[in-house]
Amino acid sequence: MKGEREKEEEGREEGSQISLEEFIEGAEKDPWVMNQLKLDIGPCEWFMEQQKP
């Protein structure tokens, strides 16, 4: 019986793209990816302050 990772690798070999649903499902299982997807708007405040006359 194939494991989940083997099924995922096999699916990638069949096509070069994954669906949005597949991406979200995989991302939700990976703490590193979820951390990278967080939006840090802190630096935005600095840039906005610099633009003020």
PDB file of N, CA and C in Angstrom:
ATOM      1  N   MET A   1       0.838  -1.187   0.000  1.00  0.00           N
ATOM      2  CA  MET A   1       0.000   0.000   0.000  1.00  0.00           C
ATOM      3  C   MET A   1       0.880   1.247   0.000  1.00  0.00           C
ATOM      4  N   LYS A   2       0.588   2.173  -0.872  1.00  0.00           N
ATOM      5  CA  LYS A   2       1.406   3.378  -0.985  1.00  0.00           C
ATOM      6  C   LYS A   2       1.060   4.369   0.116  1.00  0.00           C
ATOM      7  N   GLY A   3       2.110   5.035   0.612  1.00  0.00           N
ATOM      8  CA  GLY A   3       1.922   6.071   1.610  1.00  0.00           C
ATOM      9  C   GLY A   3       1.481   7.372   0.962  1.00  0.00           C
ATOM     10  N   GLU A   4       1.064   8.308   1.801  1.00  0.00           N
ATOM     11  CA  GLU A   4       0.582   9.607   1.305  1.00  0.00           C
ATOM     12  C   GLU A   4       1.649  10.338   0.496  1.00  0.00           C
ATOM     13  N   ARG A   5       2.879  10.337   0.993  1.00  0.00           N
ATOM     14  CA  ARG A   5       3.959  11.048   0.288  1.00  0.00           C
ATOM     15  C   ARG A   5       4.222  10.407  -1.079  1.00  0.00           C
ATOM     16  N   GLU A   6       4.192   9.094  -1.143  1.00  0.00           N
ATOM     17  CA  GLU A   6       4.422   8.425  -2.426  1.00  0.00           C
ATOM     18  C   GLU A   6       3.333   8.796  -3.428  1.00  0.00           C
ATOM     19  N   LYS A   7       2.093   8.893  -2.951  1.00  0.00           N
ATOM     20  CA  LYS A   7       0.993   9.279  -3.835  1.00  0.00           C
ATOM     21  C   LYS A   7       1.194  10.702  -4.345  1.00  0.00           C
ATOM     22  N   GLU A   8       1.636  11.604  -3.454  1.00  0.00           N
ATOM     23  CA  GLU A   8       1.871  12.985  -3.856  1.00  0.00           C
ATOM     24  C   GLU A   8       2.976  13.065  -4.904  1.00  0.00           C
ATOM     25  N   GLU A   9       4.069  12.325  -4.691  1.00  0.00           N
ATOM     26  CA  GLU A   9       5.179  12.341  -5.641  1.00  0.00           C
ATOM     27  C   GLU A   9       4.741  11.778  -6.988  1.00  0.00           C
ATOM     28  N   GLU A  10       3.950  10.722  -6.947  1.00  0.00           N
ATOM     29  CA  GLU A  10       3.462  10.117  -8.177  1.00  0.00           C
ATOM     30  C   GLU A  10       2.584  11.110  -8.934  1.00  0.00           C
ATOM     31  N   GLY A  11       1.757  11.856  -8.215  1.00  0.00           N
ATOM     32  CA  GLY A  11       0.898  12.855  -8.836  1.00  0.00           C
ATOM     33  C   GLY A  11       1.700  13.959  -9.485  1.00  0.00           C
ATOM     34  N   ARG A  12       2.810  14.348  -8.849  1.00  0.00           N
ATOM     35  CA  ARG A  12       3.652  15.405  -9.412  1.00  0.00           C
ATOM     36  C   ARG A  12       4.317  14.938 -10.697  1.00  0.00           C
ATOM     37  N   GLU A  13       4.629  13.665 -10.782  1.00  0.00           N
ATOM     38  CA  GLU A  13       5.275  13.145 -11.984  1.00  0.00           C
ATOM     39  C   GLU A  13       4.321  13.168 -13.173  1.00  0.00           C
ATOM     40  N   GLU A  14       3.022  13.024 -12.899  1.00  0.00           N
ATOM     41  CA  GLU A  14       2.037  12.969 -13.972  1.00  0.00           C
ATOM     42  C   GLU A  14       1.786  14.340 -14.589  1.00  0.00           C
ATOM     43  N   GLY A  15       1.916  15.403 -13.815  1.00  0.00           N
ATOM     44  CA  GLY A  15       1.671  16.748 -14.320  1.00  0.00           C
ATOM     45  C   GLY A  15       2.541  17.744 -13.591  1.00  0.00           C
ATOM     46  N   SER A  16       2.788  18.862 -14.239  1.00  0.00           N
ATOM     47  CA  SER A  16       3.693  19.836 -13.636  1.00  0.00           C
ATOM     48  C   SER A  16       2.963  20.847 -12.767  1.00  0.00           C
ATOM     49  N   GLN A  17       1.640  20.809 -12.733  1.00  0.00           N
ATOM     50  CA  GLN A  17       0.880  21.766 -11.945  1.00  0.00           C
ATOM     51  C   GLN A  17      -0.025  21.039 -10.962  1.00  0.00           C
ATOM     52  N   ILE A  18      -0.317  21.736  -9.858  1.00  0.00           N
ATOM     53  CA  ILE A  18      -1.285  21.214  -8.904  1.00  0.00           C
ATOM     54  C   ILE A  18      -2.439  22.201  -8.836  1.00  0.00           C
ATOM     55  N   SER A  19      -3.568  21.724  -8.376  1.00  0.00           N
ATOM     56  CA  SER A  19      -4.723  22.607  -8.255  1.00  0.00           C
ATOM     57  C   SER A  19      -4.574  23.474  -7.006  1.00  0.00           C
ATOM     58  N   LEU A  20      -5.370  24.526  -6.936  1.00  0.00           N
ATOM     59  CA  LEU A  20      -5.368  25.395  -5.763  1.00  0.00           C
ATOM     60  C   LEU A  20      -5.746  24.598  -4.521  1.00  0.00           C
ATOM     61  N   GLU A  21      -6.700  23.702  -4.664  1.00  0.00           N
ATOM     62  CA  GLU A  21      -7.126  22.877  -3.537  1.00  0.00           C
ATOM     63  C   GLU A  21      -5.982  22.001  -3.034  1.00  0.00           C
ATOM     64  N   GLU A  22      -5.221  21.419  -3.964  1.00  0.00           N
ATOM     65  CA  GLU A  22      -4.079  20.592  -3.575  1.00  0.00           C
ATOM     66  C   GLU A  22      -3.019  21.424  -2.865  1.00  0.00           C
ATOM     67  N   PHE A  23      -2.784  22.646  -3.355  1.00  0.00           N
ATOM     68  CA  PHE A  23      -1.804  23.523  -2.721  1.00  0.00           C
ATOM     69  C   PHE A  23      -2.232  23.868  -1.300  1.00  0.00           C
ATOM     70  N   ILE A  24      -3.481  24.278  -1.144  1.00  0.00           N
ATOM     71  CA  ILE A  24      -3.979  24.662   0.178  1.00  0.00           C
ATOM     72  C   ILE A  24      -3.919  23.486   1.137  1.00  0.00           C
ATOM     73  N   GLU A  25      -4.333  22.326   0.678  1.00  0.00           N
ATOM     74  CA  GLU A  25      -4.303  21.128   1.527  1.00  0.00           C
ATOM     75  C   GLU A  25      -2.879  20.821   1.981  1.00  0.00           C
ATOM     76  N   GLY A  26      -1.933  20.887   1.068  1.00  0.00           N
ATOM     77  CA  GLY A  26      -0.541  20.621   1.417  1.00  0.00           C
ATOM     78  C   GLY A  26       0.048  21.701   2.304  1.00  0.00           C
ATOM     79  N   ALA A  27      -0.271  22.961   2.004  1.00  0.00           N
ATOM     80  CA  ALA A  27       0.260  24.084   2.783  1.00  0.00           C
ATOM     81  C   ALA A  27      -0.220  24.034   4.223  1.00  0.00           C
ATOM     82  N   GLU A  28      -1.478  23.669   4.421  1.00  0.00           N
ATOM     83  CA  GLU A  28      -2.036  23.611   5.771  1.00  0.00           C
ATOM     84  C   GLU A  28      -1.356  22.548   6.626  1.00  0.00           C
ATOM     85  N   LYS A  29      -0.759  21.572   5.993  1.00  0.00           N
ATOM     86  CA  LYS A  29      -0.075  20.496   6.723  1.00  0.00           C
ATOM     87  C   LYS A  29       1.387  20.816   7.005  1.00  0.00           C
ATOM     88  N   ASP A  30       1.905  21.886   6.407  1.00  0.00           N
ATOM     89  CA  ASP A  30       3.329  22.203   6.520  1.00  0.00           C
ATOM     90  C   ASP A  30       3.533  23.511   7.283  1.00  0.00           C
ATOM     91  N   PRO A  31       4.006  23.437   8.534  1.00  0.00           N
ATOM     92  CA  PRO A  31       4.194  24.652   9.338  1.00  0.00           C
ATOM     93  C   PRO A  31       5.123  25.671   8.676  1.00  0.00           C
ATOM     94  N   TRP A  32       6.158  25.214   7.978  1.00  0.00           N
ATOM     95  CA  TRP A  32       7.080  26.143   7.328  1.00  0.00           C
ATOM     96  C   TRP A  32       6.361  26.958   6.255  1.00  0.00           C
ATOM     97  N   VAL A  33       5.567  26.296   5.436  1.00  0.00           N
ATOM     98  CA  VAL A  33       4.839  26.995   4.378  1.00  0.00           C
ATOM     99  C   VAL A  33       3.850  27.981   4.991  1.00  0.00           C
ATOM    100  N   MET A  34       3.121  27.554   6.022  1.00  0.00           N
ATOM    101  CA  MET A  34       2.157  28.447   6.664  1.00  0.00           C
ATOM    102  C   MET A  34       2.852  29.680   7.228  1.00  0.00           C
ATOM    103  N   ASN A  35       4.029  29.500   7.784  1.00  0.00           N
ATOM    104  CA  ASN A  35       4.776  30.630   8.324  1.00  0.00           C
ATOM    105  C   ASN A  35       5.195  31.586   7.208  1.00  0.00           C
ATOM    106  N   GLN A  36       5.579  31.051   6.057  1.00  0.00           N
ATOM    107  CA  GLN A  36       5.993  31.887   4.933  1.00  0.00           C
ATOM    108  C   GLN A  36       4.816  32.658   4.335  1.00  0.00           C
ATOM    109  N   LEU A  37       3.623  32.121   4.483  1.00  0.00           N
ATOM    110  CA  LEU A  37       2.443  32.757   3.905  1.00  0.00           C
ATOM    111  C   LEU A  37       1.858  33.855   4.788  1.00  0.00           C
ATOM    112  N   LYS A  38       2.346  33.977   6.007  1.00  0.00           N
ATOM    113  CA  LYS A  38       1.845  35.027   6.899  1.00  0.00           C
ATOM    114  C   LYS A  38       2.242  36.384   6.340  1.00  0.00           C
ATOM    115  N   LEU A  39       1.336  37.338   6.449  1.00  0.00           N
ATOM    116  CA  LEU A  39       1.591  38.685   5.953  1.00  0.00           C
ATOM    117  C   LEU A  39       2.064  39.549   7.105  1.00  0.00           C
ATOM    118  N   ASP A  40       3.275  40.061   6.995  1.00  0.00           N
ATOM    119  CA  ASP A  40       3.840  40.945   8.011  1.00  0.00           C
ATOM    120  C   ASP A  40       3.736  42.369   7.476  1.00  0.00           C
ATOM    121  N   ILE A  41       2.790  43.125   8.009  1.00  0.00           N
ATOM    122  CA  ILE A  41       2.590  44.479   7.503  1.00  0.00           C
ATOM    123  C   ILE A  41       3.375  45.514   8.298  1.00  0.00           C
ATOM    124  N   GLY A  42       4.184  45.081   9.259  1.00  0.00           N
ATOM    125  CA  GLY A  42       4.986  46.008  10.053  1.00  0.00           C
ATOM    126  C   GLY A  42       5.837  46.939   9.206  1.00  0.00           C
ATOM    127  N   PRO A  43       6.627  46.436   8.259  1.00  0.00           N
ATOM    128  CA  PRO A  43       7.457  47.311   7.428  1.00  0.00           C
ATOM    129  C   PRO A  43       6.625  48.292   6.603  1.00  0.00           C
ATOM    130  N   CYS A  44       5.397  47.939   6.279  1.00  0.00           N
ATOM    131  CA  CYS A  44       4.527  48.824   5.507  1.00  0.00           C
ATOM    132  C   CYS A  44       4.348  50.155   6.222  1.00  0.00           C
ATOM    133  N   GLU A  45       4.186  50.110   7.511  1.00  0.00           N
ATOM    134  CA  GLU A  45       4.010  51.339   8.282  1.00  0.00           C
ATOM    135  C   GLU A  45       5.215  52.256   8.110  1.00  0.00           C
ATOM    136  N   TRP A  46       6.417  51.701   8.124  1.00  0.00           N
ATOM    137  CA  TRP A  46       7.630  52.498   7.964  1.00  0.00           C
ATOM    138  C   TRP A  46       7.643  53.189   6.603  1.00  0.00           C
ATOM    139  N   PHE A  47       7.314  52.436   5.552  1.00  0.00           N
ATOM    140  CA  PHE A  47       7.299  53.021   4.207  1.00  0.00           C
ATOM    141  C   PHE A  47       6.253  54.121   4.096  1.00  0.00           C
ATOM    142  N   MET A  48       5.106  53.925   4.693  1.00  0.00           N
ATOM    143  CA  MET A  48       4.058  54.939   4.646  1.00  0.00           C
ATOM    144  C   MET A  48       4.502  56.204   5.370  1.00  0.00           C
ATOM    145  N   GLU A  49       5.189  56.052   6.476  1.00  0.00           N
ATOM    146  CA  GLU A  49       5.693  57.213   7.215  1.00  0.00           C
ATOM    147  C   GLU A  49       6.716  57.991   6.384  1.00  0.00           C
ATOM    148  N   GLN A  50       7.525  57.301   5.613  1.00  0.00           N
ATOM    149  CA  GLN A  50       8.552  57.948   4.799  1.00  0.00           C
ATOM    150  C   GLN A  50       7.948  58.723   3.637  1.00  0.00           C
ATOM    151  N   GLN A  51       6.758  58.355   3.202  1.00  0.00           N
ATOM    152  CA  GLN A  51       6.107  59.012   2.068  1.00  0.00           C
ATOM    153  C   GLN A  51       5.403  60.304   2.467  1.00  0.00           C
ATOM    154  N   LYS A  52       5.185  60.514   3.758  1.00  0.00           N
ATOM    155  CA  LYS A  52       4.488  61.724   4.214  1.00  0.00           C
ATOM    156  C   LYS A  52       5.367  62.950   4.000  1.00  0.00           C
ATOM    157  N   PRO A  53       4.752  64.065   3.535  1.00  0.00           N
ATOM    158  CA  PRO A  53       5.539  65.298   3.299  1.00  0.00           C
ATOM    159  C   PRO A  53       5.990  65.967   4.586  1.00  0.00           C
TER     160      PRO A  53
END
